[in-house]
Amino acid sequence: MNTKANKPETGEDIIYLLQYLVAIELYRAGLSQNEIRRRLGIDINTVNKMLKGVSRHVETRTDDAE
């Protein structure tokens, strides 16, 4: 991925970012890493790296002040 803030993203960077976001959503929806790999057409090791540290549970914030 592109690490320079002043350099425009490449098409490959954008595709990777979109795959990353979709992989997280699919994982949180309960799909296995192998199913995510199959649906996105990417290597299982790439899926594993994308999901490293991602929790299946989405924390929701609630406002105490009502």
C-alpha atoms as a PDB file:
ATOM      1  CA  MET A   1       0.000   0.000   0.000  1.00  0.00           C
ATOM      2  CA  ASN A   2       1.000   3.572  -0.529  1.00  0.00           C
ATOM      3  CA  THR A   3       2.577   5.072   2.595  1.00  0.00           C
ATOM      4  CA  LYS A   4       3.327   8.601   1.371  1.00  0.00           C
ATOM      5  CA  ALA A   5       0.580  11.027   2.368  1.00  0.00           C
ATOM      6  CA  ASN A   6       1.232  13.397  -0.528  1.00  0.00           C
ATOM      7  CA  LYS A   7       1.303  10.735  -3.250  1.00  0.00           C
ATOM      8  CA  PRO A   8      -1.977   9.692  -4.906  1.00  0.00           C
ATOM      9  CA  GLU A   9      -3.223   6.171  -4.325  1.00  0.00           C
ATOM     10  CA  THR A  10      -2.780   3.716  -7.166  1.00  0.00           C
ATOM     11  CA  GLY A  11      -5.575   1.563  -8.529  1.00  0.00           C
ATOM     12  CA  GLU A  12      -4.006  -1.451  -6.811  1.00  0.00           C
ATOM     13  CA  ASP A  13      -3.985   0.390  -3.471  1.00  0.00           C
ATOM     14  CA  ILE A  14      -7.660   1.205  -3.822  1.00  0.00           C
ATOM     15  CA  ILE A  15      -8.566  -2.357  -4.774  1.00  0.00           C
ATOM     16  CA  TYR A  16      -6.633  -3.710  -1.783  1.00  0.00           C
ATOM     17  CA  LEU A  17      -8.341  -1.261   0.561  1.00  0.00           C
ATOM     18  CA  LEU A  18     -11.787  -2.218  -0.729  1.00  0.00           C
ATOM     19  CA  GLN A  19     -10.970  -5.936  -0.396  1.00  0.00           C
ATOM     20  CA  TYR A  20      -9.737  -5.270   3.131  1.00  0.00           C
ATOM     21  CA  LEU A  21     -12.964  -3.521   4.124  1.00  0.00           C
ATOM     22  CA  VAL A  22     -15.146  -6.214   2.533  1.00  0.00           C
ATOM     23  CA  ALA A  23     -13.087  -8.975   4.206  1.00  0.00           C
ATOM     24  CA  ILE A  24     -13.666  -7.395   7.621  1.00  0.00           C
ATOM     25  CA  GLU A  25     -17.415  -7.079   7.036  1.00  0.00           C
ATOM     26  CA  LEU A  26     -17.696 -10.658   5.771  1.00  0.00           C
ATOM     27  CA  TYR A  27     -15.705 -11.933   8.754  1.00  0.00           C
ATOM     28  CA  ARG A  28     -17.914 -10.017  11.183  1.00  0.00           C
ATOM     29  CA  ALA A  29     -20.945 -11.485   9.395  1.00  0.00           C
ATOM     30  CA  GLY A  30     -19.664 -14.943  10.358  1.00  0.00           C
ATOM     31  CA  LEU A  31     -17.942 -16.186   7.202  1.00  0.00           C
ATOM     32  CA  SER A  32     -14.808 -18.293   7.506  1.00  0.00           C
ATOM     33  CA  GLN A  33     -11.474 -17.057   6.226  1.00  0.00           C
ATOM     34  CA  ASN A  34     -11.599 -19.723   3.520  1.00  0.00           C
ATOM     35  CA  GLU A  35     -15.026 -18.533   2.349  1.00  0.00           C
ATOM     36  CA  ILE A  36     -13.788 -14.925   2.318  1.00  0.00           C
ATOM     37  CA  ARG A  37     -10.773 -16.039   0.252  1.00  0.00           C
ATOM     38  CA  ARG A  38     -13.049 -17.775  -2.201  1.00  0.00           C
ATOM     39  CA  ARG A  39     -15.473 -14.854  -2.537  1.00  0.00           C
ATOM     40  CA  LEU A  40     -12.768 -12.213  -2.970  1.00  0.00           C
ATOM     41  CA  GLY A  41     -10.499 -14.388  -5.110  1.00  0.00           C
ATOM     42  CA  ILE A  42      -7.422 -13.715  -2.988  1.00  0.00           C
ATOM     43  CA  ASP A  43      -4.817 -15.851  -1.244  1.00  0.00           C
ATOM     44  CA  ILE A  44      -5.679 -17.298   2.187  1.00  0.00           C
ATOM     45  CA  ASN A  45      -2.496 -15.761   3.620  1.00  0.00           C
ATOM     46  CA  THR A  46      -3.674 -12.333   2.448  1.00  0.00           C
ATOM     47  CA  VAL A  47      -7.025 -12.867   4.173  1.00  0.00           C
ATOM     48  CA  ASN A  48      -5.219 -13.942   7.340  1.00  0.00           C
ATOM     49  CA  LYS A  49      -3.084 -10.771   7.315  1.00  0.00           C
ATOM     50  CA  MET A  50      -6.120  -8.580   6.652  1.00  0.00           C
ATOM     51  CA  LEU A  51      -8.033 -10.043   9.584  1.00  0.00           C
ATOM     52  CA  LYS A  52      -5.183 -10.179  12.070  1.00  0.00           C
ATOM     53  CA  GLY A  53      -6.421  -8.481  15.225  1.00  0.00           C
ATOM     54  CA  VAL A  54      -9.975  -8.024  13.932  1.00  0.00           C
ATOM     55  CA  SER A  55     -12.722  -9.073  16.320  1.00  0.00           C
ATOM     56  CA  ARG A  56     -15.884 -10.737  15.061  1.00  0.00           C
ATOM     57  CA  HIS A  57     -17.824  -8.707  17.596  1.00  0.00           C
ATOM     58  CA  VAL A  58     -18.596  -5.111  16.791  1.00  0.00           C
ATOM     59  CA  GLU A  59     -18.637  -2.911  19.859  1.00  0.00           C
ATOM     60  CA  THR A  60     -21.532  -0.517  19.929  1.00  0.00           C
ATOM     61  CA  ARG A  61     -21.393   2.796  21.703  1.00  0.00           C
ATOM     62  CA  THR A  62     -24.310   4.067  23.669  1.00  0.00           C
ATOM     63  CA  ASP A  63     -24.840   7.600  24.858  1.00  0.00           C
ATOM     64  CA  ASP A  64     -25.560   7.783  28.572  1.00  0.00           C
ATOM     65  CA  ALA A  65     -26.962  11.292  28.307  1.00  0.00           C
ATOM     66  CA  GLU A  66     -30.541  11.171  27.126  1.00  0.00           C
END
